[in-house]
Protein backbone atom coordinates (compact mmCIF):
# COMPACT_ATOMS: atom_id res chain seq x y z
CA UNK A 1 -42.43 -53.17 -23.98
CA UNK A 2 -40.52 -50.71 -21.78
CA UNK A 3 -36.87 -50.29 -22.67
CA UNK A 4 -34.31 -50.74 -19.89
CA UNK A 5 -31.27 -48.51 -19.35
CA UNK A 6 -28.49 -48.98 -16.80
CA UNK A 7 -26.78 -45.80 -15.57
CA UNK A 8 -23.43 -46.20 -13.80
CA UNK A 9 -22.06 -43.02 -12.21
CA UNK A 10 -20.64 -42.41 -8.74
CA UNK A 11 -22.30 -39.00 -8.45
CA UNK A 12 -25.73 -39.74 -6.96
CA UNK A 13 -27.29 -36.39 -7.89
CA UNK A 14 -26.24 -36.62 -11.54
CA UNK A 15 -27.22 -40.30 -11.74
CA UNK A 16 -30.64 -39.49 -10.30
CA UNK A 17 -31.15 -36.57 -12.69
CA UNK A 18 -30.29 -38.78 -15.67
CA UNK A 19 -32.57 -41.55 -14.37
CA UNK A 20 -35.45 -39.11 -13.86
CA UNK A 21 -35.06 -37.63 -17.35
CA UNK A 22 -34.94 -41.08 -18.96
CA UNK A 23 -37.92 -42.29 -16.91
CA UNK A 24 -39.86 -39.23 -18.09
CA UNK A 25 -39.08 -40.37 -21.66
CA UNK A 26 -40.62 -43.78 -20.87
CA UNK A 27 -37.54 -45.84 -20.01
CA UNK A 28 -37.09 -48.09 -16.99
CA UNK A 29 -33.76 -47.15 -15.37
CA UNK A 30 -31.46 -49.12 -13.09
CA UNK A 31 -28.66 -47.31 -11.27
CA UNK A 32 -25.17 -48.32 -10.17
CA UNK A 33 -22.59 -46.27 -8.25
CA UNK A 34 -19.65 -47.92 -10.05
CA UNK A 35 -18.78 -50.54 -12.64
CA UNK A 36 -18.72 -53.35 -10.11
CA UNK A 37 -22.34 -52.67 -9.10
CA UNK A 38 -23.17 -52.39 -12.78
CA UNK A 39 -21.68 -55.82 -13.54
CA UNK A 40 -23.72 -57.35 -10.68
CA UNK A 41 -26.91 -55.87 -12.13
CA UNK A 42 -25.99 -57.03 -15.63
CA UNK A 43 -25.82 -60.62 -14.40
CA UNK A 44 -29.61 -60.57 -14.07
CA UNK A 45 -30.79 -58.12 -16.75
CA UNK A 46 -29.96 -57.25 -20.33
CA UNK A 47 -30.56 -53.53 -20.89
CA UNK A 48 -31.16 -51.75 -24.16
CA UNK A 49 -28.40 -49.29 -23.23
CA UNK A 50 -25.62 -48.85 -20.66
CA UNK A 51 -24.58 -45.30 -19.76
CA UNK A 52 -21.34 -45.00 -17.83
CA UNK A 53 -18.99 -42.45 -16.37
CA UNK A 54 -15.26 -43.14 -16.60
CA UNK A 55 -14.03 -41.91 -13.22
CA UNK A 56 -15.67 -44.13 -10.58
CA UNK A 57 -14.35 -45.90 -7.49
CA UNK A 58 -13.96 -49.70 -7.22
CA UNK A 59 -14.32 -50.29 -10.99
CA UNK A 60 -13.87 -47.43 -13.44
CA UNK A 61 -15.71 -47.03 -16.72
CA UNK A 62 -12.83 -48.39 -18.81
CA UNK A 63 -12.86 -51.74 -16.98
CA UNK A 64 -16.67 -51.74 -16.92
CA UNK A 65 -16.73 -51.45 -20.73
CA UNK A 66 -14.09 -54.20 -21.06
CA UNK A 67 -16.13 -56.57 -18.91
CA UNK A 68 -19.38 -55.83 -20.74
CA UNK A 69 -17.76 -56.42 -24.13
CA UNK A 70 -16.15 -59.67 -22.95
CA UNK A 71 -19.52 -61.09 -21.83
CA UNK A 72 -21.15 -62.80 -24.84
CA UNK A 73 -24.77 -62.03 -23.90
CA UNK A 74 -23.91 -58.32 -23.42
CA UNK A 75 -21.45 -57.86 -26.27
CA UNK A 76 -23.98 -56.06 -28.49
CA UNK A 77 -25.58 -53.83 -25.83
CA UNK A 78 -24.96 -50.19 -26.79
CA UNK A 79 -22.71 -48.25 -24.41
CA UNK A 80 -22.77 -44.47 -24.02
CA UNK A 81 -19.91 -42.87 -22.09
CA UNK A 82 -20.85 -39.65 -20.29
CA UNK A 83 -17.71 -38.27 -18.71
CA UNK A 84 -15.86 -35.15 -17.65
CA UNK A 85 -12.62 -36.53 -19.11
CA UNK A 86 -12.66 -34.60 -22.42
CA UNK A 87 -9.19 -35.61 -23.61
CA UNK A 88 -9.33 -37.04 -27.13
CA UNK A 89 -7.18 -39.96 -25.96
CA UNK A 90 -9.93 -41.08 -23.56
CA UNK A 91 -12.58 -40.77 -26.25
CA UNK A 92 -10.49 -42.85 -28.65
CA UNK A 93 -9.76 -45.45 -25.95
CA UNK A 94 -13.41 -46.02 -24.99
CA UNK A 95 -14.47 -46.27 -28.63
CA UNK A 96 -11.70 -48.84 -29.19
CA UNK A 97 -12.94 -50.75 -26.14
CA UNK A 98 -16.37 -50.94 -27.73
CA UNK A 99 -18.36 -47.93 -26.54
CA UNK A 100 -20.83 -46.66 -29.12
CA UNK A 101 -20.63 -42.94 -28.32
CA UNK A 102 -19.02 -40.42 -25.94
CA UNK A 103 -20.52 -37.24 -24.55
CA UNK A 104 -18.52 -34.75 -22.49
CA UNK A 105 -19.83 -33.49 -19.16
CA UNK A 106 -21.27 -31.00 -18.81
CA UNK A 107 -23.83 -31.29 -21.56
CA UNK A 108 -27.36 -30.08 -21.91
CA UNK A 109 -29.90 -32.69 -20.91
CA UNK A 110 -31.55 -32.29 -24.31
CA UNK A 111 -28.33 -33.11 -26.19
CA UNK A 112 -27.61 -36.01 -23.85
CA UNK A 113 -31.14 -37.45 -24.21
CA UNK A 114 -31.02 -37.19 -28.01
CA UNK A 115 -27.98 -39.47 -28.14
CA UNK A 116 -29.16 -41.82 -25.37
CA UNK A 117 -32.60 -42.34 -26.90
CA UNK A 118 -31.15 -43.06 -30.37
CA UNK A 119 -28.81 -45.69 -28.91
CA UNK A 120 -31.51 -47.32 -26.77
CA UNK A 121 -34.01 -48.01 -29.57
């Protein structure tokens, strides 16, 4: 069965690159431009992994994580934060909110995929 990953990032080019790389690895990928779009998608699917940026319009990654973790059917879905906000305070905050891991942008695609694939299986 194909594993499903949701990628939420407001940067279309980066989101598409991540989706293409994950699809090449055999995953089915849904995309959202912000947390609000991500929540709408999560009402109909339960992915094996959610990847989110922190700085997004409409609903940022912090609120997106809060809403995922407060939804019983999604509470155990792994969350990977991929963000250009490298401050240790942000890392600590998202892990406290329930994210499983945090990768700073920029990162090599290989390093990113290694973490994403481990969390998705």
